[in-house]
Amino acid sequence: MRFRVLLTGLVLLTASGCTELTDAADNRAREAAKSAVTPIVQERYPGLPVAPIVDCVIQYASLSEVLELARAATLGPTSETHRVVIAIAARPDTVRCIAQAQAEAFVAERITL
C-alpha cells in the first residue's frame, strides 16, 4: 500500500514536471511564431496596430500551425507561411479577437489624446 502511494506521488510529480516543460516549449514556439507573423501582418494590414493582430493570430493558431510559424521564424517565411497567417486571421474567432483588440486600441488612443 505504501509503495502504491509513493508510486502515485512520483507519477504526479513527473506529470507536473512534463506539463511545465510542455508549457515552456509552447511559450517559446509561440514567441518564435510571433516574429514570423509580424512582418506578414505589417504588410497585409498597413496602418493598423500590429501587436494585437499578431497576438490574436497566435492565440487562435493550432499547435501544428504555431510550430510551422516558429519554423518559418528560423528558416524564413514562404508563401505557405503567408497562407497560414491569412487563414488563421480569417477564422471567425480570430476576426472577433482582432475587432475587439482594434476597438480597444482605438479607445485607448482617444483617451490619451
Protein backbone atom coordinates (compact mmCIF):
# COMPACT_ATOMS: atom_id res chain seq x y z
CA MET A 1 0.00 0.00 0.00
CA ARG A 2 2.76 2.41 0.94
CA PHE A 3 4.55 1.66 -2.32
CA ARG A 4 1.41 2.48 -4.28
CA VAL A 5 1.11 5.87 -2.59
CA LEU A 6 4.77 6.64 -3.28
CA LEU A 7 4.43 5.50 -6.88
CA THR A 8 1.30 7.62 -7.38
CA GLY A 9 3.10 10.63 -5.90
CA LEU A 10 6.08 10.07 -8.18
CA VAL A 11 3.83 9.80 -11.23
CA LEU A 12 2.04 13.03 -10.30
CA LEU A 13 5.32 14.89 -9.76
CA THR A 14 6.67 13.63 -13.07
CA ALA A 15 3.47 14.60 -14.87
CA SER A 16 3.53 18.10 -13.41
CA GLY A 17 7.15 18.48 -14.49
CA CYS A 18 6.23 17.40 -18.02
CA THR A 19 3.42 19.94 -18.06
CA GLU A 20 5.84 22.70 -17.09
CA LEU A 21 8.26 21.64 -19.83
CA THR A 22 5.44 21.44 -22.35
CA ASP A 23 4.19 24.89 -21.35
CA ALA A 24 7.70 26.33 -21.65
CA ALA A 25 8.17 24.79 -25.10
CA ASP A 26 4.74 26.02 -26.19
CA ASN A 27 5.54 29.56 -25.00
CA ARG A 28 8.88 29.55 -26.82
CA ALA A 29 7.26 28.30 -30.03
CA ARG A 30 4.56 30.97 -29.79
CA GLU A 31 7.16 33.72 -29.25
CA ALA A 32 9.13 32.49 -32.26
CA ALA A 33 5.95 32.29 -34.32
CA LYS A 34 5.17 35.93 -33.49
CA SER A 35 8.39 37.01 -35.18
CA ALA A 36 7.29 35.24 -38.39
CA VAL A 37 3.73 36.60 -38.21
CA THR A 38 4.65 40.25 -37.50
CA PRO A 39 6.07 41.19 -40.94
CA ILE A 40 3.18 39.45 -42.69
CA VAL A 41 0.64 41.39 -40.61
CA GLN A 42 2.53 44.64 -41.22
CA GLU A 43 2.41 44.02 -44.96
CA ARG A 44 -1.19 42.79 -45.04
CA TYR A 45 -2.75 45.34 -42.66
CA PRO A 46 -0.78 48.59 -43.04
CA GLY A 47 -1.69 51.37 -40.66
CA LEU A 48 -3.26 49.12 -38.03
CA PRO A 49 -1.68 48.36 -34.67
CA VAL A 50 0.27 45.18 -35.36
CA ALA A 51 0.80 43.66 -31.90
CA PRO A 52 -2.89 42.98 -31.15
CA ILE A 53 -3.40 41.33 -34.54
CA VAL A 54 -0.31 39.16 -34.09
CA ASP A 55 -1.49 38.18 -30.60
CA CYS A 56 -4.90 37.15 -31.96
CA VAL A 57 -3.38 35.14 -34.81
CA ILE A 58 -1.10 33.28 -32.40
CA GLN A 59 -3.92 32.78 -29.89
CA TYR A 60 -6.15 31.06 -32.45
CA ALA A 61 -3.44 29.08 -34.24
CA SER A 62 -3.39 25.33 -33.73
CA LEU A 63 -0.28 23.72 -32.27
CA SER A 64 0.80 22.48 -35.70
CA GLU A 65 0.32 25.99 -37.13
CA VAL A 66 2.33 27.51 -34.29
CA LEU A 67 5.15 25.05 -34.94
CA GLU A 68 5.04 25.78 -38.67
CA LEU A 69 5.18 29.53 -38.00
CA ALA A 70 8.01 29.07 -35.48
CA ARG A 71 9.93 27.11 -38.11
CA ALA A 72 9.35 29.99 -40.56
CA ALA A 73 10.84 32.36 -37.99
CA THR A 74 14.06 30.35 -38.18
CA LEU A 75 14.17 29.38 -41.85
CA GLY A 76 12.38 32.38 -43.32
CA PRO A 77 8.77 32.82 -44.43
CA THR A 78 7.43 31.14 -47.54
CA SER A 79 4.21 31.54 -49.49
CA GLU A 80 2.83 28.78 -47.24
CA THR A 81 3.64 30.92 -44.18
CA HIS A 82 1.59 33.75 -45.67
CA ARG A 83 -1.26 31.35 -46.47
CA VAL A 84 -1.29 30.01 -42.90
CA VAL A 85 -1.35 33.50 -41.35
CA ILE A 86 -4.15 34.66 -43.67
CA ALA A 87 -6.18 31.50 -42.99
CA ILE A 88 -5.86 31.92 -39.22
CA ALA A 89 -6.71 35.63 -39.44
CA ALA A 90 -9.87 34.83 -41.42
CA ARG A 91 -11.35 32.47 -38.81
CA PRO A 92 -14.42 33.84 -37.02
CA ASP A 93 -12.85 33.68 -33.55
CA THR A 94 -9.71 35.40 -34.79
CA VAL A 95 -11.74 38.09 -36.57
CA ARG A 96 -13.67 38.76 -33.36
CA CYS A 97 -10.43 38.93 -31.39
CA ILE A 98 -8.88 41.36 -33.88
CA ALA A 99 -12.01 43.55 -33.94
CA GLN A 100 -12.08 43.69 -30.14
CA ALA A 101 -8.36 44.46 -29.94
CA GLN A 102 -8.62 47.20 -32.57
CA ALA A 103 -11.62 48.75 -30.80
CA GLU A 104 -9.71 48.76 -27.52
CA ALA A 105 -6.66 50.31 -29.19
CA PHE A 106 -8.85 52.97 -30.81
CA VAL A 107 -10.49 53.88 -27.49
CA ALA A 108 -7.17 53.88 -25.64
CA GLU A 109 -5.68 56.18 -28.28
CA ARG A 110 -8.58 58.62 -27.96
CA ILE A 111 -8.41 58.66 -24.17
CA THR A 112 -4.71 59.56 -24.16
CA LEU A 113 -5.14 62.46 -26.60
